[in-house]
PDB file of all heavy atoms in Angstrom:
ATOM      1  N   HIS A   1     -10.321  -4.837 -15.528  1.00  0.00           N
ATOM      2  CA  HIS A   1     -10.071  -3.483 -16.036  1.00  0.00           C
ATOM      3  C   HIS A   1     -11.344  -2.639 -16.132  1.00  0.00           C
ATOM      4  O   HIS A   1     -11.266  -1.406 -16.046  1.00  0.00           O
ATOM      5  CB  HIS A   1      -9.394  -3.574 -17.414  1.00  0.00           C
ATOM      6  CG  HIS A   1      -7.987  -4.081 -17.338  1.00  0.00           C
ATOM      7  ND1 HIS A   1      -6.916  -3.264 -17.074  1.00  0.00           N
ATOM      8  CD2 HIS A   1      -7.482  -5.347 -17.482  1.00  0.00           C
ATOM      9  CE1 HIS A   1      -5.800  -3.986 -17.066  1.00  0.00           C
ATOM     10  NE2 HIS A   1      -6.126  -5.248 -17.306  1.00  0.00           N
ATOM     11  N   GLY A   2     -12.480  -3.290 -16.274  1.00  0.00           N
ATOM     12  CA  GLY A   2     -13.714  -2.526 -16.415  1.00  0.00           C
ATOM     13  C   GLY A   2     -14.372  -2.159 -15.103  1.00  0.00           C
ATOM     14  O   GLY A   2     -15.112  -1.167 -15.027  1.00  0.00           O
ATOM     15  N   ILE A   3     -14.101  -2.930 -14.045  1.00  0.00           N
ATOM     16  CA  ILE A   3     -14.760  -2.673 -12.759  1.00  0.00           C
ATOM     17  C   ILE A   3     -13.746  -2.491 -11.626  1.00  0.00           C
ATOM     18  O   ILE A   3     -13.671  -1.434 -11.004  1.00  0.00           O
ATOM     19  CB  ILE A   3     -15.734  -3.828 -12.417  1.00  0.00           C
ATOM     20  CG1 ILE A   3     -16.797  -3.964 -13.508  1.00  0.00           C
ATOM     21  CG2 ILE A   3     -16.382  -3.595 -11.054  1.00  0.00           C
ATOM     22  CD1 ILE A   3     -17.718  -5.167 -13.313  1.00  0.00           C
ATOM     23  N   ILE A   4     -12.951  -3.532 -11.359  1.00  0.00           N
ATOM     24  CA  ILE A   4     -12.096  -3.548 -10.164  1.00  0.00           C
ATOM     25  C   ILE A   4     -11.063  -2.425 -10.180  1.00  0.00           C
ATOM     26  O   ILE A   4     -10.913  -1.699  -9.193  1.00  0.00           O
ATOM     27  CB  ILE A   4     -11.419  -4.920 -10.025  1.00  0.00           C
ATOM     28  CG1 ILE A   4     -12.485  -5.994  -9.763  1.00  0.00           C
ATOM     29  CG2 ILE A   4     -10.393  -4.908  -8.901  1.00  0.00           C
ATOM     30  CD1 ILE A   4     -11.962  -7.405  -9.804  1.00  0.00           C
ATOM     31  N   LEU A   5     -10.351  -2.266 -11.283  1.00  0.00           N
ATOM     32  CA  LEU A   5      -9.285  -1.261 -11.332  1.00  0.00           C
ATOM     33  C   LEU A   5      -9.823   0.163 -11.465  1.00  0.00           C
ATOM     34  O   LEU A   5      -9.053   1.126 -11.398  1.00  0.00           O
ATOM     35  CB  LEU A   5      -8.322  -1.570 -12.482  1.00  0.00           C
ATOM     36  CG  LEU A   5      -7.490  -2.848 -12.303  1.00  0.00           C
ATOM     37  CD1 LEU A   5      -6.575  -3.054 -13.491  1.00  0.00           C
ATOM     38  CD2 LEU A   5      -6.693  -2.805 -11.011  1.00  0.00           C
ATOM     39  N   ARG A   6     -11.119   0.291 -11.635  1.00  0.00           N
ATOM     40  CA  ARG A   6     -11.721   1.631 -11.626  1.00  0.00           C
ATOM     41  C   ARG A   6     -12.202   2.021 -10.238  1.00  0.00           C
ATOM     42  O   ARG A   6     -12.256   3.203  -9.910  1.00  0.00           O
ATOM     43  CB  ARG A   6     -12.896   1.677 -12.607  1.00  0.00           C
ATOM     44  CG  ARG A   6     -12.473   1.528 -14.059  1.00  0.00           C
ATOM     45  CD  ARG A   6     -13.642   1.752 -15.002  1.00  0.00           C
ATOM     46  NE  ARG A   6     -13.248   1.606 -16.397  1.00  0.00           N
ATOM     47  CZ  ARG A   6     -14.028   1.894 -17.422  1.00  0.00           C
ATOM     48  NH1 ARG A   6     -15.272   2.350 -17.206  1.00  0.00           N
ATOM     49  NH2 ARG A   6     -13.604   1.730 -18.662  1.00  0.00           N
ATOM     50  N   ARG A   7     -12.554   1.036  -9.429  1.00  0.00           N
ATOM     51  CA  ARG A   7     -13.147   1.325  -8.120  1.00  0.00           C
ATOM     52  C   ARG A   7     -12.188   1.086  -6.951  1.00  0.00           C
ATOM     53  O   ARG A   7     -12.130   1.875  -6.021  1.00  0.00           O
ATOM     54  CB  ARG A   7     -14.395   0.456  -7.928  1.00  0.00           C
ATOM     55  CG  ARG A   7     -15.492   0.706  -8.951  1.00  0.00           C
ATOM     56  CD  ARG A   7     -16.659  -0.246  -8.722  1.00  0.00           C
ATOM     57  NE  ARG A   7     -17.742  -0.041  -9.696  1.00  0.00           N
ATOM     58  CZ  ARG A   7     -18.836  -0.778  -9.755  1.00  0.00           C
ATOM     59  NH1 ARG A   7     -18.997  -1.794  -8.897  1.00  0.00           N
ATOM     60  NH2 ARG A   7     -19.767  -0.533 -10.660  1.00  0.00           N
ATOM     61  N   ARG A   8     -11.472  -0.011  -7.015  1.00  0.00           N
ATOM     62  CA  ARG A   8     -10.725  -0.436  -5.831  1.00  0.00           C
ATOM     63  C   ARG A   8      -9.492   0.406  -5.502  1.00  0.00           C
ATOM     64  O   ARG A   8      -9.165   0.583  -4.319  1.00  0.00           O
ATOM     65  CB  ARG A   8     -10.314  -1.909  -5.987  1.00  0.00           C
ATOM     66  CG  ARG A   8      -9.790  -2.513  -4.700  1.00  0.00           C
ATOM     67  CD  ARG A   8      -9.693  -4.010  -4.772  1.00  0.00           C
ATOM     68  NE  ARG A   8      -9.190  -4.573  -3.545  1.00  0.00           N
ATOM     69  CZ  ARG A   8      -8.975  -5.859  -3.351  1.00  0.00           C
ATOM     70  NH1 ARG A   8      -9.240  -6.732  -4.312  1.00  0.00           N
ATOM     71  NH2 ARG A   8      -8.508  -6.311  -2.199  1.00  0.00           N
ATOM     72  N   PRO A   9      -8.726   0.936  -6.480  1.00  0.00           N
ATOM     73  CA  PRO A   9      -7.509   1.664  -6.135  1.00  0.00           C
ATOM     74  C   PRO A   9      -7.716   2.827  -5.169  1.00  0.00           C
ATOM     75  O   PRO A   9      -6.917   3.016  -4.248  1.00  0.00           O
ATOM     76  CB  PRO A   9      -6.988   2.148  -7.496  1.00  0.00           C
ATOM     77  CG  PRO A   9      -7.460   1.098  -8.450  1.00  0.00           C
ATOM     78  CD  PRO A   9      -8.831   0.729  -7.955  1.00  0.00           C
ATOM     79  N   ALA A  10      -8.765   3.616  -5.350  1.00  0.00           N
ATOM     80  CA  ALA A  10      -8.990   4.754  -4.461  1.00  0.00           C
ATOM     81  C   ALA A  10      -9.284   4.297  -3.037  1.00  0.00           C
ATOM     82  O   ALA A  10      -8.786   4.876  -2.056  1.00  0.00           O
ATOM     83  CB  ALA A  10     -10.136   5.614  -4.980  1.00  0.00           C
ATOM     84  N   VAL A  11     -10.084   3.230  -2.910  1.00  0.00           N
ATOM     85  CA  VAL A  11     -10.414   2.696  -1.583  1.00  0.00           C
ATOM     86  C   VAL A  11      -9.169   2.113  -0.925  1.00  0.00           C
ATOM     87  O   VAL A  11      -8.883   2.376   0.255  1.00  0.00           O
ATOM     88  CB  VAL A  11     -11.511   1.621  -1.693  1.00  0.00           C
ATOM     89  CG1 VAL A  11     -11.777   0.974  -0.339  1.00  0.00           C
ATOM     90  CG2 VAL A  11     -12.795   2.223  -2.257  1.00  0.00           C
ATOM     91  N   SER A  12      -8.413   1.318  -1.676  1.00  0.00           N
ATOM     92  CA  SER A  12      -7.213   0.696  -1.126  1.00  0.00           C
ATOM     93  C   SER A  12      -6.146   1.728  -0.784  1.00  0.00           C
ATOM     94  O   SER A  12      -5.411   1.565   0.188  1.00  0.00           O
ATOM     95  CB  SER A  12      -6.656  -0.337  -2.109  1.00  0.00           C
ATOM     96  OG  SER A  12      -7.540  -1.425  -2.267  1.00  0.00           O
ATOM     97  N   ALA A  13      -6.050   2.794  -1.588  1.00  0.00           N
ATOM     98  CA  ALA A  13      -5.041   3.827  -1.315  1.00  0.00           C
ATOM     99  C   ALA A  13      -5.269   4.463   0.051  1.00  0.00           C
ATOM    100  O   ALA A  13      -4.313   4.733   0.788  1.00  0.00           O
ATOM    101  CB  ALA A  13      -5.067   4.880  -2.410  1.00  0.00           C
ATOM    102  N   LYS A  14      -6.521   4.696   0.411  1.00  0.00           N
ATOM    103  CA  LYS A  14      -6.812   5.259   1.735  1.00  0.00           C
ATOM    104  C   LYS A  14      -6.383   4.308   2.846  1.00  0.00           C
ATOM    105  O   LYS A  14      -5.898   4.737   3.899  1.00  0.00           O
ATOM    106  CB  LYS A  14      -8.300   5.577   1.851  1.00  0.00           C
ATOM    107  CG  LYS A  14      -8.759   6.732   0.974  1.00  0.00           C
ATOM    108  CD  LYS A  14     -10.241   7.021   1.164  1.00  0.00           C
ATOM    109  CE  LYS A  14     -10.684   8.188   0.291  1.00  0.00           C
ATOM    110  NZ  LYS A  14     -12.145   8.462   0.443  1.00  0.00           N
ATOM    111  N   LYS A  15      -6.572   3.024   2.615  1.00  0.00           N
ATOM    112  CA  LYS A  15      -6.142   2.042   3.610  1.00  0.00           C
ATOM    113  C   LYS A  15      -4.618   2.027   3.731  1.00  0.00           C
ATOM    114  O   LYS A  15      -4.078   1.974   4.842  1.00  0.00           O
ATOM    115  CB  LYS A  15      -6.670   0.653   3.241  1.00  0.00           C
ATOM    116  CG  LYS A  15      -8.183   0.540   3.300  1.00  0.00           C
ATOM    117  CD  LYS A  15      -8.650  -0.862   2.963  1.00  0.00           C
ATOM    118  CE  LYS A  15     -10.161  -0.980   3.074  1.00  0.00           C
ATOM    119  NZ  LYS A  15     -10.643  -2.364   2.811  1.00  0.00           N
ATOM    120  N   TYR A  16      -3.935   2.079   2.599  1.00  0.00           N
ATOM    121  CA  TYR A  16      -2.471   2.134   2.648  1.00  0.00           C
ATOM    122  C   TYR A  16      -2.003   3.391   3.374  1.00  0.00           C
ATOM    123  O   TYR A  16      -1.024   3.356   4.139  1.00  0.00           O
ATOM    124  CB  TYR A  16      -1.887   2.095   1.237  1.00  0.00           C
ATOM    125  CG  TYR A  16      -1.721   0.708   0.671  1.00  0.00           C
ATOM    126  CD1 TYR A  16      -2.555   0.236  -0.345  1.00  0.00           C
ATOM    127  CD2 TYR A  16      -0.726  -0.140   1.142  1.00  0.00           C
ATOM    128  CE1 TYR A  16      -2.404  -1.037  -0.861  1.00  0.00           C
ATOM    129  CE2 TYR A  16      -0.566  -1.419   0.623  1.00  0.00           C
ATOM    130  CZ  TYR A  16      -1.415  -1.864  -0.369  1.00  0.00           C
ATOM    131  OH  TYR A  16      -1.261  -3.131  -0.879  1.00  0.00           O
ATOM    132  N   GLN A  17      -2.667   4.506   3.152  1.00  0.00           N
ATOM    133  CA  GLN A  17      -2.272   5.740   3.818  1.00  0.00           C
ATOM    134  C   GLN A  17      -2.349   5.624   5.334  1.00  0.00           C
ATOM    135  O   GLN A  17      -1.574   6.243   6.056  1.00  0.00           O
ATOM    136  CB  GLN A  17      -3.157   6.888   3.330  1.00  0.00           C
ATOM    137  CG  GLN A  17      -2.898   7.301   1.895  1.00  0.00           C
ATOM    138  CD  GLN A  17      -4.016   8.136   1.284  1.00  0.00           C
ATOM    139  OE1 GLN A  17      -4.879   8.633   2.004  1.00  0.00           O
ATOM    140  NE2 GLN A  17      -4.008   8.284  -0.036  1.00  0.00           N
ATOM    141  N   SER A  18      -3.271   4.796   5.832  1.00  0.00           N
ATOM    142  CA  SER A  18      -3.445   4.660   7.282  1.00  0.00           C
ATOM    143  C   SER A  18      -2.316   3.874   7.934  1.00  0.00           C
ATOM    144  O   SER A  18      -2.141   3.944   9.163  1.00  0.00           O
ATOM    145  CB  SER A  18      -4.784   3.986   7.585  1.00  0.00           C
ATOM    146  OG  SER A  18      -4.767   2.610   7.217  1.00  0.00           O
ATOM    147  N   ILE A  19      -1.518   3.123   7.141  1.00  0.00           N
ATOM    148  CA  ILE A  19      -0.454   2.305   7.733  1.00  0.00           C
ATOM    149  C   ILE A  19       0.924   2.622   7.161  1.00  0.00           C
ATOM    150  O   ILE A  19       1.926   2.039   7.557  1.00  0.00           O
ATOM    151  CB  ILE A  19      -0.771   0.802   7.553  1.00  0.00           C
ATOM    152  CG1 ILE A  19      -0.947   0.429   6.066  1.00  0.00           C
ATOM    153  CG2 ILE A  19      -2.045   0.435   8.301  1.00  0.00           C
ATOM    154  CD1 ILE A  19       0.225  -0.210   5.414  1.00  0.00           C
ATOM    155  N   TRP A  20       1.001   3.585   6.237  1.00  0.00           N
ATOM    156  CA  TRP A  20       2.260   3.920   5.566  1.00  0.00           C
ATOM    157  C   TRP A  20       3.258   4.489   6.568  1.00  0.00           C
ATOM    158  O   TRP A  20       2.911   5.309   7.417  1.00  0.00           O
ATOM    159  CB  TRP A  20       2.014   4.924   4.458  1.00  0.00           C
ATOM    160  CG  TRP A  20       2.938   4.815   3.285  1.00  0.00           C
ATOM    161  CD1 TRP A  20       3.952   5.656   2.960  1.00  0.00           C
ATOM    162  CD2 TRP A  20       2.889   3.823   2.246  1.00  0.00           C
ATOM    163  NE1 TRP A  20       4.563   5.264   1.795  1.00  0.00           N
ATOM    164  CE2 TRP A  20       3.929   4.131   1.327  1.00  0.00           C
ATOM    165  CE3 TRP A  20       2.088   2.709   2.001  1.00  0.00           C
ATOM    166  CZ2 TRP A  20       4.185   3.373   0.195  1.00  0.00           C
ATOM    167  CZ3 TRP A  20       2.339   1.940   0.877  1.00  0.00           C
ATOM    168  CH2 TRP A  20       3.379   2.263  -0.011  1.00  0.00           C
ATOM    169  N   LEU A  21       4.507   4.065   6.475  1.00  0.00           N
ATOM    170  CA  LEU A  21       5.570   4.545   7.356  1.00  0.00           C
ATOM    171  C   LEU A  21       6.324   5.696   6.688  1.00  0.00           C
ATOM    172  O   LEU A  21       6.280   5.843   5.461  1.00  0.00           O
ATOM    173  CB  LEU A  21       6.549   3.412   7.663  1.00  0.00           C
ATOM    174  CG  LEU A  21       5.983   2.195   8.409  1.00  0.00           C
ATOM    175  CD1 LEU A  21       7.049   1.105   8.501  1.00  0.00           C
ATOM    176  CD2 LEU A  21       5.492   2.594   9.784  1.00  0.00           C
ATOM    177  N   PRO A  22       7.043   6.512   7.454  1.00  0.00           N
ATOM    178  CA  PRO A  22       7.846   7.578   6.840  1.00  0.00           C
ATOM    179  C   PRO A  22       8.834   7.044   5.800  1.00  0.00           C
ATOM    180  O   PRO A  22       9.132   7.708   4.811  1.00  0.00           O
ATOM    181  CB  PRO A  22       8.584   8.188   8.041  1.00  0.00           C
ATOM    182  CG  PRO A  22       7.701   7.900   9.215  1.00  0.00           C
ATOM    183  CD  PRO A  22       7.084   6.568   8.926  1.00  0.00           C
ATOM    184  N   GLU A  23       9.319   5.793   6.015  1.00  0.00           N
ATOM    185  CA  GLU A  23      10.280   5.205   5.083  1.00  0.00           C
ATOM    186  C   GLU A  23       9.603   4.537   3.891  1.00  0.00           C
ATOM    187  O   GLU A  23      10.273   4.134   2.941  1.00  0.00           O
ATOM    188  CB  GLU A  23      11.146   4.159   5.791  1.00  0.00           C
ATOM    189  CG  GLU A  23      11.812   4.656   7.053  1.00  0.00           C
ATOM    190  CD  GLU A  23      11.031   4.247   8.299  1.00  0.00           C
ATOM    191  OE1 GLU A  23       9.805   4.528   8.356  1.00  0.00           O
ATOM    192  OE2 GLU A  23      11.635   3.653   9.202  1.00  0.00           O
ATOM    193  N   GLY A  24       8.260   4.401   3.967  1.00  0.00           N
ATOM    194  CA  GLY A  24       7.542   3.774   2.865  1.00  0.00           C
ATOM    195  C   GLY A  24       6.624   2.660   3.324  1.00  0.00           C
ATOM    196  O   GLY A  24       6.180   2.619   4.471  1.00  0.00           O
ATOM    197  N   SER A  25       6.351   1.733   2.432  1.00  0.00           N
ATOM    198  CA  SER A  25       5.464   0.606   2.718  1.00  0.00           C
ATOM    199  C   SER A  25       6.036  -0.260   3.828  1.00  0.00           C
ATOM    200  O   SER A  25       7.212  -0.654   3.764  1.00  0.00           O
ATOM    201  CB  SER A  25       5.281  -0.241   1.462  1.00  0.00           C
ATOM    202  OG  SER A  25       4.745  -1.500   1.779  1.00  0.00           O
ATOM    203  N   PRO A  26       5.263  -0.593   4.862  1.00  0.00           N
ATOM    204  CA  PRO A  26       5.786  -1.453   5.935  1.00  0.00           C
ATOM    205  C   PRO A  26       6.350  -2.764   5.430  1.00  0.00           C
ATOM    206  O   PRO A  26       7.400  -3.225   5.888  1.00  0.00           O
ATOM    207  CB  PRO A  26       4.562  -1.674   6.837  1.00  0.00           C
ATOM    208  CG  PRO A  26       3.699  -0.491   6.598  1.00  0.00           C
ATOM    209  CD  PRO A  26       3.884  -0.141   5.141  1.00  0.00           C
ATOM    210  N   LEU A  27       5.662  -3.401   4.475  1.00  0.00           N
ATOM    211  CA  LEU A  27       6.146  -4.683   3.978  1.00  0.00           C
ATOM    212  C   LEU A  27       7.524  -4.545   3.359  1.00  0.00           C
ATOM    213  O   LEU A  27       8.416  -5.376   3.590  1.00  0.00           O
ATOM    214  CB  LEU A  27       5.154  -5.243   2.954  1.00  0.00           C
ATOM    215  CG  LEU A  27       5.498  -6.628   2.393  1.00  0.00           C
ATOM    216  CD1 LEU A  27       4.245  -7.470   2.208  1.00  0.00           C
ATOM    217  CD2 LEU A  27       6.231  -6.509   1.061  1.00  0.00           C
ATOM    218  N   LEU A  28       7.738  -3.493   2.584  1.00  0.00           N
ATOM    219  CA  LEU A  28       9.032  -3.294   1.948  1.00  0.00           C
ATOM    220  C   LEU A  28      10.086  -2.898   2.972  1.00  0.00           C
ATOM    221  O   LEU A  28      11.229  -3.380   2.938  1.00  0.00           O
ATOM    222  CB  LEU A  28       8.923  -2.233   0.858  1.00  0.00           C
ATOM    223  CG  LEU A  28      10.186  -1.975   0.025  1.00  0.00           C
ATOM    224  CD1 LEU A  28      10.662  -3.253  -0.646  1.00  0.00           C
ATOM    225  CD2 LEU A  28       9.922  -0.899  -1.019  1.00  0.00           C
ATOM    226  N   VAL A  29       9.713  -2.043   3.913  1.00  0.00           N
ATOM    227  CA  VAL A  29      10.659  -1.590   4.946  1.00  0.00           C
ATOM    228  C   VAL A  29      11.173  -2.774   5.760  1.00  0.00           C
ATOM    229  O   VAL A  29      12.386  -2.949   5.943  1.00  0.00           O
ATOM    230  CB  VAL A  29       9.990  -0.547   5.861  1.00  0.00           C
ATOM    231  CG1 VAL A  29      10.865  -0.273   7.093  1.00  0.00           C
ATOM    232  CG2 VAL A  29       9.745   0.751   5.098  1.00  0.00           C
ATOM    233  N   TYR A  30      10.260  -3.609   6.247  1.00  0.00           N
ATOM    234  CA  TYR A  30      10.681  -4.734   7.083  1.00  0.00           C
ATOM    235  C   TYR A  30      11.378  -5.815   6.275  1.00  0.00           C
ATOM    236  O   TYR A  30      12.321  -6.455   6.766  1.00  0.00           O
ATOM    237  CB  TYR A  30       9.479  -5.315   7.825  1.00  0.00           C
ATOM    238  CG  TYR A  30       8.959  -4.418   8.927  1.00  0.00           C
ATOM    239  CD1 TYR A  30       7.651  -3.948   8.911  1.00  0.00           C
ATOM    240  CD2 TYR A  30       9.785  -4.024   9.975  1.00  0.00           C
ATOM    241  CE1 TYR A  30       7.171  -3.117   9.922  1.00  0.00           C
ATOM    242  CE2 TYR A  30       9.322  -3.192  10.987  1.00  0.00           C
ATOM    243  CZ  TYR A  30       8.013  -2.749  10.954  1.00  0.00           C
ATOM    244  OH  TYR A  30       7.547  -1.926  11.950  1.00  0.00           O
ATOM    245  N   SER A  31      10.947  -6.029   5.049  1.00  0.00           N
ATOM    246  CA  SER A  31      11.605  -7.039   4.213  1.00  0.00           C
ATOM    247  C   SER A  31      13.044  -6.629   3.918  1.00  0.00           C
ATOM    248  O   SER A  31      13.956  -7.475   3.900  1.00  0.00           O
ATOM    249  CB  SER A  31      10.826  -7.241   2.911  1.00  0.00           C
ATOM    250  OG  SER A  31       9.532  -7.756   3.166  1.00  0.00           O
ATOM    251  N   ARG A  32      13.271  -5.349   3.695  1.00  0.00           N
ATOM    252  CA  ARG A  32      14.637  -4.866   3.468  1.00  0.00           C
ATOM    253  C   ARG A  32      15.495  -5.072   4.699  1.00  0.00           C
ATOM    254  O   ARG A  32      16.662  -5.479   4.605  1.00  0.00           O
ATOM    255  CB  ARG A  32      14.605  -3.388   3.081  1.00  0.00           C
ATOM    256  CG  ARG A  32      14.244  -3.130   1.625  1.00  0.00           C
ATOM    257  CD  ARG A  32      14.105  -1.653   1.346  1.00  0.00           C
ATOM    258  NE  ARG A  32      13.961  -1.371  -0.074  1.00  0.00           N
ATOM    259  CZ  ARG A  32      13.525  -0.217  -0.568  1.00  0.00           C
ATOM    260  NH1 ARG A  32      13.175   0.776   0.267  1.00  0.00           N
ATOM    261  NH2 ARG A  32      13.428  -0.041  -1.871  1.00  0.00           N
ATOM    262  N   LYS A  33      14.933  -4.802   5.860  1.00  0.00           N
ATOM    263  CA  LYS A  33      15.685  -5.009   7.096  1.00  0.00           C
ATOM    264  C   LYS A  33      16.047  -6.479   7.262  1.00  0.00           C
ATOM    265  O   LYS A  33      17.158  -6.814   7.690  1.00  0.00           O
ATOM    266  CB  LYS A  33      14.867  -4.517   8.293  1.00  0.00           C
ATOM    267  CG  LYS A  33      14.748  -3.004   8.388  1.00  0.00           C
ATOM    268  CD  LYS A  33      13.956  -2.584   9.616  1.00  0.00           C
ATOM    269  CE  LYS A  33      13.869  -1.065   9.712  1.00  0.00           C
ATOM    270  NZ  LYS A  33      13.096  -0.628  10.919  1.00  0.00           N
ATOM    271  N   GLN A  34      15.129  -7.362   6.923  1.00  0.00           N
ATOM    272  CA  GLN A  34      15.413  -8.794   7.019  1.00  0.00           C
ATOM    273  C   GLN A  34      16.580  -9.176   6.116  1.00  0.00           C
ATOM    274  O   GLN A  34      17.462  -9.945   6.510  1.00  0.00           O
ATOM    275  CB  GLN A  34      14.169  -9.587   6.646  1.00  0.00           C
ATOM    276  CG  GLN A  34      13.041  -9.505   7.660  1.00  0.00           C
ATOM    277  CD  GLN A  34      11.726 -10.046   7.127  1.00  0.00           C
ATOM    278  OE1 GLN A  34      11.655 -10.593   6.029  1.00  0.00           O
ATOM    279  NE2 GLN A  34      10.663  -9.876   7.897  1.00  0.00           N
ATOM    280  N   ALA A  35      16.600  -8.638   4.894  1.00  0.00           N
ATOM    281  CA  ALA A  35      17.675  -8.972   3.961  1.00  0.00           C
ATOM    282  C   ALA A  35      19.021  -8.475   4.462  1.00  0.00           C
ATOM    283  O   ALA A  35      20.033  -9.199   4.401  1.00  0.00           O
ATOM    284  CB  ALA A  35      17.369  -8.383   2.579  1.00  0.00           C
TER     285      ALA A  35
END
């Protein structure tokens, strides 16, 4: 809470933005299709 959650979310969010699908998170999109 003092270091990681202050620094990492902004960096990780940019990475997620680079792979985000119109329907949402790829992992959730494909997992739903599998179900």
